[in-house]
Protein backbone atom coordinates (compact mmCIF):
# COMPACT_ATOMS: atom_id res chain seq x y z
CA MET A 1 86.21 -11.03 180.67
CA ALA A 2 88.42 -8.77 177.99
CA PRO A 3 91.86 -7.87 179.26
CA ARG A 4 92.73 -4.31 179.71
CA LYS A 5 94.74 -2.06 177.99
CA LYS A 6 97.47 -0.25 179.04
CA ASN A 7 97.96 3.85 179.76
CA GLY A 8 100.68 4.10 177.18
CA THR A 9 98.26 2.67 174.54
CA PHE A 10 95.90 5.05 175.39
CA ARG A 11 98.03 8.18 175.18
CA PHE A 12 99.88 7.19 171.80
CA GLU A 13 96.53 6.99 170.32
CA SER A 14 95.56 10.40 172.03
CA TYR A 15 98.67 11.61 170.24
CA GLU A 16 98.02 10.49 167.00
CA LEU A 17 94.82 11.87 166.96
CA GLU A 18 95.73 15.24 167.89
CA ASP A 19 98.75 15.14 164.58
CA ARG A 20 96.28 13.83 162.55
CA MET A 21 93.49 16.80 163.39
CA MET A 22 96.78 19.31 163.36
CA TYR A 23 97.44 18.00 160.03
CA GLU A 24 93.60 18.59 158.70
CA GLU A 25 93.51 22.09 160.29
CA GLU A 26 96.89 23.25 158.66
CA LEU A 27 96.02 21.47 155.21
CA ASN A 28 92.28 23.39 155.69
CA VAL A 29 94.61 26.78 156.13
CA LEU A 30 96.57 25.68 153.04
CA LYS A 31 93.89 24.88 150.89
CA THR A 32 92.09 28.33 152.14
CA ILE A 33 95.42 30.22 151.22
CA VAL A 34 95.89 28.55 147.43
CA LYS A 35 91.75 29.28 147.13
CA GLU A 36 92.15 32.69 147.85
CA GLN A 37 95.34 33.28 145.46
CA LYS A 38 93.47 31.54 142.87
CA GLU A 39 90.72 33.90 143.23
CA GLU A 40 93.66 37.03 143.44
CA ILE A 41 95.21 35.90 139.94
CA GLU A 42 91.68 35.46 138.69
CA ALA A 43 91.16 39.18 139.41
CA LEU A 44 94.52 40.17 138.37
CA LYS A 45 93.94 38.32 135.31
CA ARG A 46 90.64 39.92 134.56
CA ASP A 47 91.79 43.18 135.27
CA ALA A 48 94.64 42.36 132.85
CA ASP A 49 92.08 41.66 130.08
CA GLU A 50 90.55 44.83 130.50
CA LYS A 51 93.49 46.83 130.72
CA GLN A 52 94.35 44.74 127.50
CA ARG A 53 90.89 45.48 125.66
CA LYS A 54 91.18 49.19 126.60
CA HIS A 55 94.56 49.43 125.32
CA GLU A 56 93.49 48.09 122.08
CA THR A 57 90.46 50.27 121.90
CA THR A 58 92.98 52.88 122.16
CA VAL A 59 95.56 51.87 120.13
CA GLU A 60 92.55 51.68 117.48
CA ASP A 61 90.83 55.05 118.22
CA MET A 62 94.59 56.62 118.09
CA GLN A 63 95.37 54.82 114.82
CA LYS A 64 91.81 56.36 113.45
CA VAL A 65 92.94 59.73 114.35
CA ILE A 66 96.35 59.37 113.00
CA GLU A 67 94.65 58.20 109.55
CA HIS A 68 92.17 61.03 109.73
CA LEU A 69 95.25 63.42 110.30
CA ASP A 70 97.19 62.17 107.41
CA GLU A 71 94.31 62.35 105.04
CA LYS A 72 94.33 66.18 106.25
CA VAL A 73 97.72 66.58 106.02
CA HIS A 74 97.88 64.79 102.48
CA SER A 75 95.31 67.11 101.43
CA LYS A 76 97.06 70.53 103.05
CA LYS A 77 99.88 69.20 101.19
CA ILE A 78 98.16 69.18 97.92
CA ASP A 79 96.39 72.37 98.75
CA ASN A 80 99.52 73.49 99.62
CA ASP A 81 101.64 72.55 96.16
CA LYS A 82 98.68 74.03 94.53
CA GLU A 83 99.33 77.55 96.18
CA LYS A 84 103.00 77.19 95.95
CA LYS A 85 102.42 76.14 92.07
CA LYS A 86 100.39 79.46 91.51
CA PHE A 87 102.53 81.68 93.46
CA LYS A 88 105.54 80.63 91.62
CA ASP A 89 103.52 80.66 88.47
CA PHE A 90 102.76 84.45 89.73
CA ILE A 91 105.93 85.33 90.41
CA GLU A 92 107.18 84.03 87.05
CA GLU A 93 104.33 86.60 85.35
CA MET A 94 105.61 89.17 87.29
CA LYS A 95 109.45 88.54 86.46
CA ASP A 96 108.53 88.37 82.77
CA LYS A 97 106.69 91.51 83.22
CA ILE A 98 109.13 93.80 84.53
CA GLU A 99 112.14 91.94 82.56
CA CYS A 100 114.03 94.47 80.22
CA PRO A 101 112.90 93.59 76.47
CA VAL A 102 116.59 94.30 75.44
CA CYS A 103 118.97 92.67 77.88
CA LEU A 104 116.78 90.03 78.91
CA GLU A 105 117.47 90.76 82.60
CA VAL A 106 115.38 91.41 85.93
CA PRO A 107 116.39 94.68 87.32
CA ARG A 108 117.99 94.36 90.45
CA SER A 109 117.32 97.69 91.97
CA GLY A 110 114.55 100.70 91.12
CA PRO A 111 113.57 103.33 90.18
CA ILE A 112 112.65 101.26 86.88
CA PRO A 113 112.03 103.23 83.72
CA VAL A 114 108.50 102.95 82.32
CA CYS A 115 106.96 104.20 79.06
CA PRO A 116 103.32 106.03 78.95
CA ASN A 117 101.91 101.95 77.76
CA GLY A 118 103.27 100.73 81.04
CA HIS A 119 106.38 98.90 79.04
CA VAL A 120 109.35 98.75 81.70
CA VAL A 121 113.19 98.54 80.34
CA CYS A 122 116.27 98.62 82.65
CA ASN A 123 118.14 101.74 83.53
CA LYS A 124 121.17 100.67 81.29
CA CYS A 125 119.12 99.92 78.56
CA LYS A 126 116.82 103.08 78.31
CA THR A 127 116.59 105.10 75.23
CA ASP A 128 114.80 107.73 74.42
CA SER A 129 112.18 105.31 72.73
CA CYS A 130 110.61 102.10 74.11
CA PRO A 131 111.85 99.17 72.66
CA THR A 132 108.46 97.51 72.84
CA CYS A 133 106.15 100.02 71.17
CA ARG A 134 108.53 102.59 70.17
CA VAL A 135 106.56 105.60 72.00
CA ALA A 136 109.23 108.10 73.49
CA MET A 137 110.09 106.99 76.81
CA GLY A 138 109.47 110.04 78.58
CA ASN A 139 110.68 110.08 82.47
CA GLY A 140 108.49 107.62 84.21
CA LYS A 141 109.10 105.10 86.86
CA SER A 142 107.21 102.08 87.83
CA LEU A 143 106.61 102.00 91.21
CA LEU A 144 105.01 98.59 91.01
CA ALA A 145 108.25 96.96 89.02
CA SER A 146 110.28 98.42 92.02
CA ILE A 147 108.09 96.80 94.82
CA VAL A 148 108.42 93.30 92.79
CA ILE A 149 112.12 93.53 92.78
CA GLU A 150 112.22 93.74 96.20
CA ASN A 151 109.97 90.93 96.65
CA ILE A 152 111.08 88.31 94.63
CA ASP A 153 114.23 85.85 94.24
CA HIS A 154 117.15 86.92 92.18
CA LYS A 155 119.48 84.49 90.04
CA CYS A 156 122.80 85.08 90.94
CA LYS A 157 124.62 87.15 88.52
CA PHE A 158 127.55 84.50 87.80
CA ASP A 159 126.34 82.33 85.25
CA ASP A 160 127.75 78.75 86.79
CA CYS A 161 125.27 79.51 90.28
CA GLU A 162 122.08 78.41 89.70
CA ASP A 163 121.01 79.80 93.34
CA LEU A 164 118.44 82.24 94.18
CA PHE A 165 118.44 85.03 96.67
CA ALA A 166 116.40 87.69 97.97
CA VAL A 167 117.64 91.17 96.79
CA ASP A 168 119.28 92.21 99.67
CA LYS A 169 121.22 89.06 100.08
CA LEU A 170 122.64 88.96 96.42
CA ASP A 171 125.68 91.12 97.63
CA ASP A 172 126.94 89.24 100.12
CA HIS A 173 126.10 85.56 98.14
CA ALA A 174 128.20 86.95 95.39
CA LYS A 175 131.27 87.38 97.90
CA ILE A 176 131.65 83.92 98.59
CA CYS A 177 130.07 82.20 95.52
CA ALA A 178 132.14 79.29 94.34
CA HIS A 179 131.27 80.49 91.01
CA ARG A 180 132.52 84.30 91.20
CA THR A 181 134.61 85.57 88.87
CA VAL A 182 138.35 85.61 90.13
CA LYS A 183 141.75 86.81 88.38
CA CYS A 184 144.25 84.00 87.42
CA PRO A 185 147.08 84.40 90.56
CA HIS A 186 150.08 84.34 88.10
CA HIS A 187 151.47 87.31 87.69
CA ASN A 188 151.85 87.10 83.97
CA CYS A 189 148.29 85.82 83.38
CA SER A 190 145.29 88.25 82.74
CA GLU A 191 142.63 86.18 82.13
CA LYS A 192 139.67 86.05 84.66
CA VAL A 193 137.77 82.88 85.11
CA SER A 194 135.00 81.32 87.47
CA LEU A 195 136.61 80.10 90.73
CA SER A 196 135.15 76.72 90.34
CA LYS A 197 136.86 76.65 87.06
CA LEU A 198 140.81 77.68 88.25
CA LEU A 199 142.34 74.60 89.01
CA ASP A 200 140.83 73.53 85.52
CA HIS A 201 142.82 77.03 83.81
CA LEU A 202 145.81 76.43 85.92
CA GLY A 203 146.57 72.74 84.95
CA LYS A 204 145.76 73.77 81.22
CA ASN A 205 147.79 76.59 80.83
CA LYS A 206 151.41 77.53 81.81
CA CYS A 207 150.66 79.18 85.10
CA SER A 208 151.50 76.46 86.82
CA PHE A 209 154.18 73.83 87.39
CA ASP A 210 151.41 71.20 88.56
CA ASP A 211 148.44 69.90 86.38
CA ALA A 212 146.63 68.88 90.16
CA PRO A 213 146.82 70.65 93.55
CA LYS A 214 148.97 68.31 95.52
CA LEU A 215 147.49 66.75 98.36
CA ILE A 216 148.97 67.38 102.01
CA GLU A 217 147.76 64.71 104.00
CA LYS A 218 150.88 64.49 106.91
CA TYR A 219 150.58 66.27 110.10
CA PRO A 220 151.49 68.91 110.76
CA PRO A 221 151.00 70.00 107.54
CA VAL A 222 154.14 71.01 105.82
CA GLY A 223 155.23 71.45 102.28
CA THR A 224 158.66 72.45 100.30
CA ARG A 225 159.40 73.42 96.87
CA SER A 226 162.75 74.73 95.45
CA TYR A 227 163.16 77.25 92.48
CA THR A 228 166.01 77.78 90.10
CA PHE A 229 167.63 79.91 87.38
CA LYS A 230 170.78 80.32 85.60
CA ASP A 231 172.15 83.57 86.43
CA GLN A 232 171.17 86.03 89.14
CA LEU A 233 173.31 88.58 87.82
CA LYS A 234 172.01 89.21 84.49
CA VAL A 235 168.33 88.54 84.94
CA ASP A 236 166.43 91.71 86.40
CA ASP A 237 162.85 90.17 86.87
CA ILE A 238 161.78 86.78 87.00
CA THR A 239 158.33 85.12 87.29
CA TRP A 240 158.62 81.47 88.00
CA ARG A 241 155.35 79.25 87.61
CA MET A 242 153.14 78.55 90.95
CA ASN A 243 153.09 75.33 92.45
CA ILE A 244 149.28 74.74 94.05
CA PHE A 245 148.19 72.85 96.99
CA THR A 246 145.28 71.52 98.47
CA TYR A 247 144.65 70.86 102.33
CA GLU A 248 141.06 69.89 103.94
CA ASP A 249 139.21 70.92 100.87
CA VAL A 250 141.30 74.28 100.55
CA ASN A 251 142.79 75.28 97.46
CA PHE A 252 146.18 77.55 97.62
CA ALA A 253 149.23 78.44 95.54
CA ILE A 254 152.93 79.37 96.16
CA LEU A 255 153.56 82.43 94.03
CA PRO A 256 157.74 83.34 93.59
CA GLU A 257 159.23 86.00 91.74
CA LYS A 258 161.53 88.69 91.30
CA PHE A 259 160.70 92.13 90.55
CA ASP A 260 162.51 95.68 91.15
CA GLY A 261 165.25 94.35 93.08
CA PHE A 262 163.47 92.18 95.75
CA TYR A 263 162.62 88.48 95.53
CA TYR A 264 158.77 87.96 97.05
CA VAL A 265 157.39 84.63 97.64
CA SER A 266 153.39 85.00 97.99
CA PHE A 267 150.86 82.44 99.74
CA VAL A 268 147.92 82.61 97.90
CA MET A 269 144.39 80.56 99.05
CA PHE A 270 141.58 80.59 96.76
CA SER A 271 138.99 81.36 98.98
CA SER A 272 137.10 84.73 100.76
CA GLU A 273 138.85 86.61 102.43
CA VAL A 274 136.71 85.92 105.71
CA GLU A 275 137.87 82.08 105.19
CA CYS A 276 141.47 83.15 105.20
CA SER A 277 141.15 84.99 108.23
CA LYS A 278 140.62 81.29 109.58
CA TYR A 279 144.13 80.20 108.61
CA LYS A 280 147.39 80.82 109.73
CA ILE A 281 150.51 80.38 107.54
CA GLU A 282 154.44 80.43 108.40
CA MET A 283 156.81 80.26 105.02
CA THR A 284 160.60 80.18 105.44
CA LEU A 285 162.67 81.27 102.52
CA HIS A 286 166.31 79.27 102.71
CA GLU A 287 169.02 78.08 100.83
CA ARG A 288 169.12 74.67 99.04
CA GLY A 289 170.15 71.51 100.55
CA SER A 290 169.18 72.87 104.14
CA THR A 291 166.14 72.60 106.20
CA SER A 292 164.19 76.17 107.37
CA GLN A 293 165.80 74.86 110.99
CA ASP A 294 169.59 74.51 110.15
CA ALA A 295 169.97 77.26 107.58
CA GLU A 296 172.56 79.48 107.67
CA VAL A 297 170.57 82.32 106.27
CA SER A 298 166.86 82.77 105.75
CA PHE A 299 163.71 84.56 106.00
CA LYS A 300 160.12 84.07 107.54
CA TYR A 301 156.40 85.12 107.04
CA CYS A 302 154.13 84.25 109.60
CA GLY A 303 150.47 85.59 109.43
CA LYS A 304 146.85 85.04 107.37
CA PRO A 305 147.15 83.63 103.80
CA CYS A 306 146.15 86.43 100.92
CA SER A 307 142.74 85.91 99.28
CA ILE A 308 142.29 85.37 95.97
CA ASP A 309 139.64 87.90 95.65
CA GLY A 310 142.82 90.56 96.56
CA GLU A 311 144.60 92.59 94.14
CA LYS A 312 147.69 90.86 92.53
CA SER A 313 149.62 94.07 93.23
CA ASP A 314 148.84 93.26 97.43
CA TYR A 315 150.26 89.50 97.06
CA LYS A 316 153.60 90.56 97.90
CA TYR A 317 152.45 91.44 101.37
CA TYR A 318 151.43 88.55 102.14
CA GLY A 319 154.65 86.42 101.80
CA VAL A 320 158.44 86.35 102.08
CA ALA A 321 160.11 89.89 101.05
CA VAL A 322 164.17 89.36 100.32
CA ASN A 323 165.67 92.33 98.83
CA THR A 324 168.85 91.39 96.49
CA LYS A 325 171.64 92.07 99.09
CA GLY A 326 169.81 89.95 101.68
CA MET A 327 169.59 86.76 99.00
CA GLU A 328 173.37 86.92 98.17
CA GLY A 329 173.63 84.52 101.38
CA ILE A 330 171.37 82.33 100.19
CA LEU A 331 172.47 82.32 96.47
CA LYS A 332 176.32 82.07 97.31
CA THR A 333 176.44 78.58 95.69
CA ARG A 334 175.51 76.57 92.50
CA ILE A 335 173.64 72.87 92.57
CA ASN A 336 173.95 71.56 89.02
CA ASN A 337 175.25 74.91 87.89
CA LEU A 338 172.23 76.35 88.84
CA PHE A 339 171.27 79.40 91.32
CA GLY A 340 168.36 78.50 93.52
CA PHE A 341 166.31 78.99 96.95
CA LYS A 342 164.05 76.45 98.74
CA VAL A 343 160.83 77.46 100.27
CA THR A 344 159.49 75.72 103.40
CA PHE A 345 155.90 76.62 104.54
CA SER A 346 153.19 75.05 107.17
CA ILE A 347 149.38 76.22 107.88
CA ARG A 348 147.23 75.60 110.23
CA LYS A 349 143.57 76.45 111.06
CA LEU A 350 143.04 78.38 113.84
CA ASP A 351 140.65 77.35 116.81
């Protein structure tokens, strides 16, 4: 007869069986979860692949559209270039038709005189006979020429300028053209030069102490210059050569002179009236060997600079003006046997 197992042994085997069943159940659950996640990942991957294919297809379609548009733009550009050339040729032909045969310039305002045979001539060159066919000019006017003049671009009147403008913009441009004709600012020089060549003129002639403008780099922008002469009692009028400076691409000059019992120190900027209004200067006339702050006697001007486009006779109103009596305190001593005075100036651009 076999021996009996104890109750504890049965209970242990029962627990072991339950644990195994729970483990297998949990394992099955995990396998199910993993399977579902794999299926979900596969679905996401298929979806991503499908989107990628759609994206690539869209990109290809867009590329084809772009290429097609590029072809149309290129073709349109060619057509536009042809039209522009055609229009340019037409304009040049019109200019040739209304160009004065005498001065070879295109008139800038109408009415334009025309002979009975249709030949035009500008008003300043008109005579009794046509310069082209020699028939009597008469009083004919070309309305067509006037219309052409109003609708074409004209070259700036200054020789060194190559810019073109509509006829109603020419006068505004001429006031600020970098090549406009200006007078040399020196009081004893009567030459007229292109503004773009003014510095060359000043450097090559005796109008300026300086061959080239002195650059003002420090801040605040301040400069000083001294001017001398031998005997203030014997010399009635004196004109010193100017000093030229540059600050922030703007050129200007200091012009001192003694005239009719007054000492004038003018500040002239080589810019238009509009540009000059954007700046403010301070200029002090005082004795040599001092500064503008510690001078015993000094005279000051504050205001805008004078434009190179202004009249020379107006320069003295844009600077210091001191009569002979007022200068006695500044000229009371000689240095190196010379009388003289000092000019200190500053310049700033208004906000």
